[in-house]
Amino acid sequence: MRVKDLQEDELQFFYSTYLKTLDEQEELKSALLKGRKSIEDLVHGLTDEQLLLSYGEGKWTVAEVLVHIIDTERVFQYRAFRISRNDKTPLPGFDHNIFVLESKANQRTKEDILAEYLNVRDASISLFDAMQDENLRRVGTASGIPWSVAALGLVISGHQKHHENILQERYFN
């Protein structure tokens, strides 16, 4: 499944911001694998001081951005799992700002954050890899809007890429 394969009813416009960071031709699994390598390289290159860097008053630190990526992937992965199994229960939203505050990301090491990221990403890769086209095309409701399983997987990758771009533009330049 690729970004170009998504239909208009598979996600809301807001999330297209994330999809625009991806190559329309790239397959879902490839995007997940590429993102895995990208974060691994990014974290390995960070110093302890950079982990706590923020580009402005009240803005998240690099550690908080990384944990936000993990938290969001975990939530979207769970949504994809439920919808792929044909669960019709509308799924709630989540407050990413509370998640970041409660994560205590700034008290964690880069090795700890990376280990958690790799575990979550590997679980996503395994989840989506096991799905057939029928499962990827299923649509359910999360945060009050329709989502296909494929759109959730691609938004996981695009959301990460979006935040990597912000890290490069606002934190490391």
N, C-alpha and C. Protein backbone atom coordinates (compact mmCIF):
# COMPACT_ATOMS: atom_id res chain seq x y z
N MET A 1 0.85 -1.17 0.00
CA MET A 1 0.00 0.00 0.00
C MET A 1 0.89 1.23 0.00
N ARG A 2 0.53 2.22 -0.82
CA ARG A 2 1.29 3.46 -0.97
C ARG A 2 0.38 4.67 -0.75
N VAL A 3 0.98 5.80 -0.51
CA VAL A 3 0.21 7.04 -0.33
C VAL A 3 -0.71 7.25 -1.53
N LYS A 4 -0.21 7.05 -2.72
CA LYS A 4 -1.02 7.30 -3.93
C LYS A 4 -2.20 6.35 -4.04
N ASP A 5 -2.20 5.24 -3.28
CA ASP A 5 -3.29 4.27 -3.32
C ASP A 5 -4.44 4.63 -2.39
N LEU A 6 -4.23 5.60 -1.50
CA LEU A 6 -5.28 5.97 -0.55
C LEU A 6 -6.42 6.70 -1.25
N GLN A 7 -7.63 6.42 -0.80
CA GLN A 7 -8.82 7.10 -1.31
C GLN A 7 -9.15 8.28 -0.38
N GLU A 8 -9.93 9.22 -0.88
CA GLU A 8 -10.27 10.41 -0.09
C GLU A 8 -10.97 10.10 1.22
N ASP A 9 -11.73 9.01 1.28
CA ASP A 9 -12.49 8.69 2.48
C ASP A 9 -11.68 7.91 3.52
N GLU A 10 -10.38 7.76 3.29
CA GLU A 10 -9.57 6.96 4.20
C GLU A 10 -8.89 7.78 5.30
N LEU A 11 -8.94 9.09 5.21
CA LEU A 11 -8.40 9.94 6.27
C LEU A 11 -8.84 11.37 6.03
N GLN A 12 -8.66 12.19 7.06
CA GLN A 12 -9.04 13.60 6.97
C GLN A 12 -7.88 14.45 6.46
N PHE A 13 -8.22 15.60 5.92
CA PHE A 13 -7.25 16.50 5.30
C PHE A 13 -6.09 16.87 6.23
N PHE A 14 -6.38 17.10 7.52
CA PHE A 14 -5.34 17.51 8.46
C PHE A 14 -4.13 16.58 8.39
N TYR A 15 -4.37 15.29 8.27
CA TYR A 15 -3.29 14.33 8.30
C TYR A 15 -2.52 14.24 6.98
N SER A 16 -3.03 14.89 5.95
CA SER A 16 -2.30 14.91 4.68
C SER A 16 -0.97 15.67 4.83
N THR A 17 -0.89 16.54 5.83
CA THR A 17 0.37 17.23 6.13
C THR A 17 1.49 16.20 6.34
N TYR A 18 1.17 15.14 7.04
CA TYR A 18 2.15 14.10 7.31
C TYR A 18 2.43 13.27 6.06
N LEU A 19 1.38 12.98 5.31
CA LEU A 19 1.56 12.16 4.11
C LEU A 19 2.40 12.87 3.06
N LYS A 20 2.34 14.19 3.04
CA LYS A 20 3.11 14.96 2.05
C LYS A 20 4.62 14.84 2.29
N THR A 21 5.03 14.38 3.45
CA THR A 21 6.46 14.20 3.73
C THR A 21 6.99 12.91 3.11
N LEU A 22 6.09 12.06 2.63
CA LEU A 22 6.47 10.76 2.08
C LEU A 22 6.44 10.77 0.56
N ASP A 23 7.21 9.90 -0.03
CA ASP A 23 7.17 9.67 -1.47
C ASP A 23 5.87 8.91 -1.77
N GLU A 24 5.06 9.42 -2.67
CA GLU A 24 3.77 8.81 -3.00
C GLU A 24 3.90 7.37 -3.50
N GLN A 25 5.05 7.03 -4.04
CA GLN A 25 5.27 5.70 -4.61
C GLN A 25 5.78 4.68 -3.60
N GLU A 26 6.24 5.16 -2.45
CA GLU A 26 6.87 4.25 -1.49
C GLU A 26 5.84 3.36 -0.80
N GLU A 27 6.19 2.10 -0.69
CA GLU A 27 5.32 1.14 0.00
C GLU A 27 5.36 1.37 1.51
N LEU A 28 4.27 1.00 2.17
CA LEU A 28 4.13 1.18 3.62
C LEU A 28 5.30 0.54 4.37
N LYS A 29 5.61 -0.72 4.09
CA LYS A 29 6.69 -1.38 4.83
C LYS A 29 8.02 -0.69 4.60
N SER A 30 8.28 -0.28 3.38
CA SER A 30 9.52 0.42 3.07
C SER A 30 9.61 1.73 3.86
N ALA A 31 8.50 2.45 3.94
CA ALA A 31 8.49 3.72 4.69
C ALA A 31 8.76 3.47 6.17
N LEU A 32 8.18 2.42 6.72
CA LEU A 32 8.41 2.09 8.13
C LEU A 32 9.87 1.70 8.36
N LEU A 33 10.43 0.92 7.47
CA LEU A 33 11.84 0.51 7.61
C LEU A 33 12.78 1.70 7.44
N LYS A 34 12.50 2.55 6.48
CA LYS A 34 13.33 3.73 6.25
C LYS A 34 13.29 4.66 7.48
N GLY A 35 12.11 4.82 8.05
CA GLY A 35 11.97 5.65 9.25
C GLY A 35 12.72 5.07 10.43
N ARG A 36 12.71 3.76 10.54
CA ARG A 36 13.44 3.09 11.63
C ARG A 36 14.92 3.44 11.55
N LYS A 37 15.48 3.32 10.37
CA LYS A 37 16.91 3.61 10.17
C LYS A 37 17.20 5.09 10.43
N SER A 38 16.29 5.94 9.99
CA SER A 38 16.48 7.38 10.13
C SER A 38 16.55 7.81 11.60
N ILE A 39 15.62 7.31 12.41
CA ILE A 39 15.63 7.66 13.84
C ILE A 39 16.84 7.05 14.53
N GLU A 40 17.16 5.83 14.16
CA GLU A 40 18.34 5.19 14.75
C GLU A 40 19.59 6.03 14.49
N ASP A 41 19.77 6.48 13.27
CA ASP A 41 20.91 7.32 12.93
C ASP A 41 20.87 8.65 13.68
N LEU A 42 19.69 9.25 13.74
CA LEU A 42 19.53 10.54 14.42
C LEU A 42 19.92 10.44 15.88
N VAL A 43 19.37 9.44 16.57
CA VAL A 43 19.62 9.30 18.02
C VAL A 43 21.07 8.96 18.29
N HIS A 44 21.66 8.10 17.49
CA HIS A 44 23.08 7.76 17.68
C HIS A 44 23.96 9.00 17.55
N GLY A 45 23.56 9.95 16.74
CA GLY A 45 24.35 11.16 16.54
C GLY A 45 24.14 12.25 17.57
N LEU A 46 23.19 12.06 18.49
CA LEU A 46 22.89 13.08 19.50
C LEU A 46 23.85 13.02 20.68
N THR A 47 24.16 14.18 21.22
CA THR A 47 24.86 14.25 22.50
C THR A 47 23.81 14.33 23.60
N ASP A 48 24.25 14.12 24.83
CA ASP A 48 23.32 14.26 25.96
C ASP A 48 22.76 15.68 26.05
N GLU A 49 23.58 16.66 25.71
CA GLU A 49 23.14 18.06 25.74
C GLU A 49 22.07 18.33 24.67
N GLN A 50 22.25 17.76 23.49
CA GLN A 50 21.28 17.95 22.41
C GLN A 50 19.94 17.32 22.75
N LEU A 51 19.95 16.25 23.50
CA LEU A 51 18.71 15.58 23.88
C LEU A 51 17.79 16.52 24.66
N LEU A 52 18.39 17.45 25.40
CA LEU A 52 17.61 18.38 26.24
C LEU A 52 17.43 19.74 25.60
N LEU A 53 17.82 19.87 24.35
CA LEU A 53 17.71 21.12 23.62
C LEU A 53 16.26 21.42 23.26
N SER A 54 15.88 22.70 23.44
CA SER A 54 14.57 23.20 23.00
C SER A 54 14.82 24.46 22.20
N TYR A 55 14.02 24.70 21.17
CA TYR A 55 14.27 25.88 20.34
C TYR A 55 13.57 27.13 20.84
N GLY A 56 12.82 27.01 21.93
CA GLY A 56 12.16 28.19 22.46
C GLY A 56 11.45 27.90 23.77
N GLU A 57 11.08 28.95 24.45
CA GLU A 57 10.36 28.85 25.71
C GLU A 57 9.05 28.08 25.51
N GLY A 58 8.84 27.06 26.32
CA GLY A 58 7.62 26.28 26.24
C GLY A 58 7.57 25.26 25.12
N LYS A 59 8.64 25.15 24.33
CA LYS A 59 8.69 24.17 23.24
C LYS A 59 9.31 22.88 23.77
N TRP A 60 8.93 21.78 23.15
CA TRP A 60 9.43 20.48 23.59
C TRP A 60 10.93 20.37 23.36
N THR A 61 11.58 19.57 24.20
CA THR A 61 12.98 19.23 23.99
C THR A 61 13.06 18.14 22.92
N VAL A 62 14.27 17.88 22.47
CA VAL A 62 14.48 16.81 21.50
C VAL A 62 13.99 15.49 22.09
N ALA A 63 14.30 15.24 23.35
CA ALA A 63 13.84 14.01 24.01
C ALA A 63 12.31 13.92 23.99
N GLU A 64 11.66 15.02 24.27
CA GLU A 64 10.19 15.03 24.27
C GLU A 64 9.62 14.80 22.87
N VAL A 65 10.25 15.36 21.86
CA VAL A 65 9.81 15.11 20.48
C VAL A 65 9.94 13.63 20.15
N LEU A 66 11.06 13.03 20.51
CA LEU A 66 11.27 11.62 20.22
C LEU A 66 10.25 10.74 20.94
N VAL A 67 9.98 11.04 22.19
CA VAL A 67 8.99 10.25 22.93
C VAL A 67 7.58 10.50 22.38
N HIS A 68 7.31 11.72 21.93
CA HIS A 68 6.03 12.00 21.27
C HIS A 68 5.86 11.14 20.03
N ILE A 69 6.91 10.98 19.25
CA ILE A 69 6.86 10.11 18.06
C ILE A 69 6.51 8.68 18.48
N ILE A 70 7.14 8.20 19.53
CA ILE A 70 6.87 6.85 20.03
C ILE A 70 5.43 6.72 20.50
N ASP A 71 4.99 7.66 21.33
CA ASP A 71 3.63 7.61 21.88
C ASP A 71 2.58 7.63 20.77
N THR A 72 2.77 8.50 19.79
CA THR A 72 1.81 8.61 18.70
C THR A 72 1.79 7.34 17.88
N GLU A 73 2.96 6.79 17.61
CA GLU A 73 3.00 5.53 16.86
C GLU A 73 2.26 4.43 17.60
N ARG A 74 2.46 4.37 18.90
CA ARG A 74 1.80 3.33 19.70
C ARG A 74 0.28 3.48 19.62
N VAL A 75 -0.22 4.70 19.72
CA VAL A 75 -1.66 4.95 19.64
C VAL A 75 -2.18 4.59 18.24
N PHE A 76 -1.49 5.05 17.20
CA PHE A 76 -1.95 4.78 15.84
C PHE A 76 -1.84 3.29 15.50
N GLN A 77 -0.82 2.64 16.02
CA GLN A 77 -0.66 1.20 15.83
C GLN A 77 -1.85 0.46 16.44
N TYR A 78 -2.23 0.86 17.64
CA TYR A 78 -3.37 0.23 18.31
C TYR A 78 -4.65 0.46 17.52
N ARG A 79 -4.84 1.66 17.01
CA ARG A 79 -6.01 1.95 16.19
C ARG A 79 -6.02 1.04 14.95
N ALA A 80 -4.88 0.93 14.29
CA ALA A 80 -4.78 0.10 13.09
C ALA A 80 -5.09 -1.36 13.42
N PHE A 81 -4.59 -1.83 14.53
CA PHE A 81 -4.86 -3.21 14.96
C PHE A 81 -6.35 -3.43 15.14
N ARG A 82 -7.00 -2.55 15.88
CA ARG A 82 -8.44 -2.70 16.15
C ARG A 82 -9.24 -2.66 14.87
N ILE A 83 -8.98 -1.68 14.03
CA ILE A 83 -9.74 -1.53 12.79
C ILE A 83 -9.47 -2.70 11.85
N SER A 84 -8.22 -3.16 11.78
CA SER A 84 -7.88 -4.28 10.88
C SER A 84 -8.61 -5.56 11.29
N ARG A 85 -8.94 -5.68 12.55
CA ARG A 85 -9.65 -6.86 13.05
C ARG A 85 -11.16 -6.68 12.96
N ASN A 86 -11.57 -5.64 12.24
CA ASN A 86 -12.98 -5.35 11.96
C ASN A 86 -13.76 -4.92 13.20
N ASP A 87 -13.07 -4.32 14.15
CA ASP A 87 -13.71 -3.77 15.33
C ASP A 87 -14.36 -2.45 14.93
N LYS A 88 -15.65 -2.34 15.10
CA LYS A 88 -16.41 -1.16 14.68
C LYS A 88 -16.54 -0.11 15.79
N THR A 89 -15.95 -0.36 16.94
CA THR A 89 -16.04 0.56 18.06
C THR A 89 -15.29 1.86 17.75
N PRO A 90 -15.96 3.01 17.82
CA PRO A 90 -15.23 4.28 17.63
C PRO A 90 -14.14 4.42 18.70
N LEU A 91 -12.96 4.77 18.27
CA LEU A 91 -11.82 4.88 19.18
C LEU A 91 -11.59 6.34 19.56
N PRO A 92 -11.25 6.58 20.83
CA PRO A 92 -11.08 7.96 21.29
C PRO A 92 -9.80 8.60 20.81
N GLY A 93 -9.75 9.92 20.91
CA GLY A 93 -8.53 10.66 20.64
C GLY A 93 -7.63 10.61 21.86
N PHE A 94 -6.55 11.37 21.81
CA PHE A 94 -5.64 11.47 22.96
C PHE A 94 -5.02 12.85 22.97
N ASP A 95 -4.62 13.30 24.13
CA ASP A 95 -4.02 14.62 24.28
C ASP A 95 -2.50 14.46 24.29
N HIS A 96 -1.88 14.72 23.15
CA HIS A 96 -0.43 14.52 23.02
C HIS A 96 0.37 15.40 23.98
N ASN A 97 -0.16 16.55 24.34
CA ASN A 97 0.57 17.42 25.28
C ASN A 97 0.63 16.80 26.68
N ILE A 98 -0.46 16.19 27.12
CA ILE A 98 -0.44 15.50 28.42
C ILE A 98 0.49 14.30 28.35
N PHE A 99 0.45 13.56 27.23
CA PHE A 99 1.33 12.41 27.08
C PHE A 99 2.79 12.84 27.22
N VAL A 100 3.18 13.93 26.56
CA VAL A 100 4.56 14.41 26.63
C VAL A 100 4.90 14.81 28.06
N LEU A 101 4.02 15.56 28.70
CA LEU A 101 4.26 15.99 30.08
C LEU A 101 4.46 14.79 31.01
N GLU A 102 3.63 13.79 30.84
CA GLU A 102 3.68 12.62 31.73
C GLU A 102 4.80 11.63 31.36
N SER A 103 5.41 11.79 30.21
CA SER A 103 6.43 10.84 29.76
C SER A 103 7.74 10.92 30.52
N LYS A 104 8.00 12.07 31.13
CA LYS A 104 9.27 12.29 31.83
C LYS A 104 10.46 12.05 30.89
N ALA A 105 10.28 12.43 29.63
CA ALA A 105 11.29 12.20 28.59
C ALA A 105 12.64 12.80 28.94
N ASN A 106 12.64 13.94 29.59
CA ASN A 106 13.89 14.63 29.90
C ASN A 106 14.71 13.93 30.98
N GLN A 107 14.12 12.93 31.61
CA GLN A 107 14.84 12.17 32.63
C GLN A 107 15.37 10.84 32.06
N ARG A 108 15.18 10.63 30.78
CA ARG A 108 15.57 9.38 30.14
C ARG A 108 16.86 9.56 29.35
N THR A 109 17.52 8.45 29.10
CA THR A 109 18.74 8.48 28.28
C THR A 109 18.37 8.27 26.81
N LYS A 110 19.28 8.66 25.95
CA LYS A 110 19.02 8.44 24.51
C LYS A 110 18.97 6.95 24.20
N GLU A 111 19.74 6.15 24.90
CA GLU A 111 19.73 4.70 24.68
C GLU A 111 18.38 4.10 25.06
N ASP A 112 17.81 4.58 26.17
CA ASP A 112 16.51 4.11 26.62
C ASP A 112 15.41 4.51 25.64
N ILE A 113 15.45 5.75 25.19
CA ILE A 113 14.45 6.23 24.23
C ILE A 113 14.57 5.46 22.92
N LEU A 114 15.79 5.26 22.45
CA LEU A 114 15.98 4.53 21.20
C LEU A 114 15.50 3.08 21.33
N ALA A 115 15.79 2.43 22.44
CA ALA A 115 15.35 1.04 22.64
C ALA A 115 13.83 0.95 22.59
N GLU A 116 13.15 1.89 23.23
CA GLU A 116 11.69 1.87 23.19
C GLU A 116 11.19 2.13 21.78
N TYR A 117 11.78 3.11 21.10
CA TYR A 117 11.38 3.40 19.72
C TYR A 117 11.52 2.15 18.84
N LEU A 118 12.66 1.48 18.92
CA LEU A 118 12.90 0.31 18.08
C LEU A 118 11.90 -0.80 18.37
N ASN A 119 11.56 -0.99 19.63
CA ASN A 119 10.56 -2.00 19.98
C ASN A 119 9.20 -1.66 19.39
N VAL A 120 8.80 -0.41 19.51
CA VAL A 120 7.50 0.01 18.99
C VAL A 120 7.49 -0.06 17.46
N ARG A 121 8.56 0.42 16.82
CA ARG A 121 8.61 0.38 15.36
C ARG A 121 8.63 -1.06 14.84
N ASP A 122 9.39 -1.92 15.50
CA ASP A 122 9.42 -3.32 15.06
C ASP A 122 8.04 -3.95 15.20
N ALA A 123 7.31 -3.59 16.24
CA ALA A 123 5.94 -4.09 16.39
C ALA A 123 5.04 -3.57 15.27
N SER A 124 5.23 -2.32 14.88
CA SER A 124 4.45 -1.76 13.76
C SER A 124 4.77 -2.50 12.46
N ILE A 125 6.05 -2.71 12.21
CA ILE A 125 6.46 -3.42 10.99
C ILE A 125 5.83 -4.80 10.96
N SER A 126 5.89 -5.50 12.07
CA SER A 126 5.32 -6.84 12.16
C SER A 126 3.80 -6.81 11.96
N LEU A 127 3.13 -5.87 12.58
CA LEU A 127 1.68 -5.74 12.47
C LEU A 127 1.26 -5.52 11.02
N PHE A 128 1.84 -4.52 10.38
CA PHE A 128 1.43 -4.19 9.01
C PHE A 128 1.90 -5.23 8.00
N ASP A 129 3.03 -5.85 8.27
CA ASP A 129 3.56 -6.87 7.36
C ASP A 129 2.63 -8.08 7.29
N ALA A 130 1.94 -8.38 8.38
CA ALA A 130 1.07 -9.55 8.44
C ALA A 130 -0.31 -9.30 7.80
N MET A 131 -0.60 -8.06 7.44
CA MET A 131 -1.92 -7.72 6.93
C MET A 131 -2.03 -7.93 5.43
N GLN A 132 -3.21 -8.35 5.04
CA GLN A 132 -3.52 -8.47 3.62
C GLN A 132 -4.24 -7.20 3.19
N ASP A 133 -4.36 -7.02 1.89
CA ASP A 133 -4.98 -5.81 1.34
C ASP A 133 -6.36 -5.55 1.93
N GLU A 134 -7.13 -6.60 2.13
CA GLU A 134 -8.47 -6.46 2.70
C GLU A 134 -8.42 -5.77 4.07
N ASN A 135 -7.44 -6.16 4.89
CA ASN A 135 -7.29 -5.55 6.21
C ASN A 135 -6.84 -4.10 6.11
N LEU A 136 -5.91 -3.83 5.19
CA LEU A 136 -5.38 -2.48 5.03
C LEU A 136 -6.44 -1.50 4.55
N ARG A 137 -7.42 -1.98 3.82
CA ARG A 137 -8.49 -1.13 3.27
C ARG A 137 -9.63 -0.88 4.25
N ARG A 138 -9.67 -1.61 5.36
CA ARG A 138 -10.76 -1.43 6.32
C ARG A 138 -10.72 -0.01 6.88
N VAL A 139 -11.92 0.53 7.08
CA VAL A 139 -12.05 1.89 7.60
C VAL A 139 -12.82 1.83 8.91
N GLY A 140 -12.32 2.56 9.90
CA GLY A 140 -12.98 2.69 11.19
C GLY A 140 -12.94 4.14 11.61
N THR A 141 -13.36 4.38 12.84
CA THR A 141 -13.41 5.74 13.36
C THR A 141 -12.47 5.88 14.55
N ALA A 142 -11.65 6.91 14.51
CA ALA A 142 -10.77 7.26 15.63
C ALA A 142 -10.72 8.78 15.72
N SER A 143 -10.81 9.29 16.92
CA SER A 143 -10.85 10.75 17.14
C SER A 143 -12.00 11.40 16.36
N GLY A 144 -13.07 10.64 16.15
CA GLY A 144 -14.24 11.18 15.50
C GLY A 144 -14.15 11.31 13.99
N ILE A 145 -13.11 10.74 13.39
CA ILE A 145 -12.96 10.82 11.93
C ILE A 145 -12.65 9.44 11.36
N PRO A 146 -12.95 9.25 10.06
CA PRO A 146 -12.67 7.95 9.44
C PRO A 146 -11.18 7.77 9.14
N TRP A 147 -10.72 6.54 9.32
CA TRP A 147 -9.34 6.15 9.04
C TRP A 147 -9.33 4.77 8.41
N SER A 148 -8.53 4.59 7.38
CA SER A 148 -8.26 3.23 6.94
C SER A 148 -7.01 2.75 7.67
N VAL A 149 -6.87 1.45 7.72
CA VAL A 149 -5.69 0.87 8.36
C VAL A 149 -4.43 1.32 7.62
N ALA A 150 -4.48 1.31 6.29
CA ALA A 150 -3.32 1.75 5.50
C ALA A 150 -2.97 3.20 5.80
N ALA A 151 -3.98 4.05 5.89
CA ALA A 151 -3.72 5.47 6.19
C ALA A 151 -3.06 5.61 7.54
N LEU A 152 -3.48 4.85 8.53
CA LEU A 152 -2.86 4.91 9.85
C LEU A 152 -1.38 4.53 9.76
N GLY A 153 -1.08 3.48 9.02
CA GLY A 153 0.32 3.05 8.88
C GLY A 153 1.16 4.09 8.18
N LEU A 154 0.63 4.67 7.13
CA LEU A 154 1.38 5.69 6.40
C LEU A 154 1.52 6.97 7.21
N VAL A 155 0.49 7.32 7.97
CA VAL A 155 0.59 8.52 8.82
C VAL A 155 1.61 8.30 9.93
N ILE A 156 1.76 7.08 10.42
CA ILE A 156 2.82 6.80 11.39
C ILE A 156 4.16 7.23 10.81
N SER A 157 4.41 6.82 9.57
CA SER A 157 5.68 7.17 8.92
C SER A 157 5.78 8.66 8.63
N GLY A 158 4.70 9.25 8.14
CA GLY A 158 4.71 10.67 7.81
C GLY A 158 4.80 11.56 9.03
N HIS A 159 4.15 11.16 10.11
CA HIS A 159 4.23 11.92 11.37
C HIS A 159 5.67 11.96 11.87
N GLN A 160 6.33 10.82 11.82
CA GLN A 160 7.73 10.78 12.23
C GLN A 160 8.57 11.68 11.35
N LYS A 161 8.40 11.57 10.04
CA LYS A 161 9.18 12.38 9.11
C LYS A 161 8.92 13.87 9.34
N HIS A 162 7.69 14.24 9.59
CA HIS A 162 7.32 15.62 9.89
C HIS A 162 8.14 16.14 11.09
N HIS A 163 8.21 15.35 12.13
CA HIS A 163 8.95 15.78 13.32
C HIS A 163 10.46 15.73 13.11
N GLU A 164 10.94 14.82 12.31
CA GLU A 164 12.36 14.84 11.96
C GLU A 164 12.70 16.13 11.21
N ASN A 165 11.83 16.54 10.32
CA ASN A 165 12.04 17.80 9.59
C ASN A 165 12.07 18.99 10.55
N ILE A 166 11.18 19.00 11.51
CA ILE A 166 11.16 20.08 12.51
C ILE A 166 12.45 20.07 13.33
N LEU A 167 12.89 18.89 13.72
CA LEU A 167 14.16 18.79 14.47
C LEU A 167 15.30 19.38 13.65
N GLN A 168 15.37 19.05 12.38
CA GLN A 168 16.46 19.57 11.52
C GLN A 168 16.36 21.08 11.35
N GLU A 169 15.16 21.57 11.11
CA GLU A 169 14.97 23.00 10.81
C GLU A 169 15.07 23.91 12.04
N ARG A 170 14.54 23.47 13.17
CA ARG A 170 14.42 24.36 14.33
C ARG A 170 15.38 24.05 15.47
N TYR A 171 15.87 22.83 15.54
CA TYR A 171 16.72 22.44 16.65
C TYR A 171 18.20 22.36 16.26
N PHE A 172 18.47 21.89 15.08
CA PHE A 172 19.85 21.59 14.70
C PHE A 172 20.43 22.55 13.68
N ASN A 173 19.75 23.62 13.35
CA ASN A 173 20.28 24.64 12.43
C ASN A 173 20.57 25.93 13.14
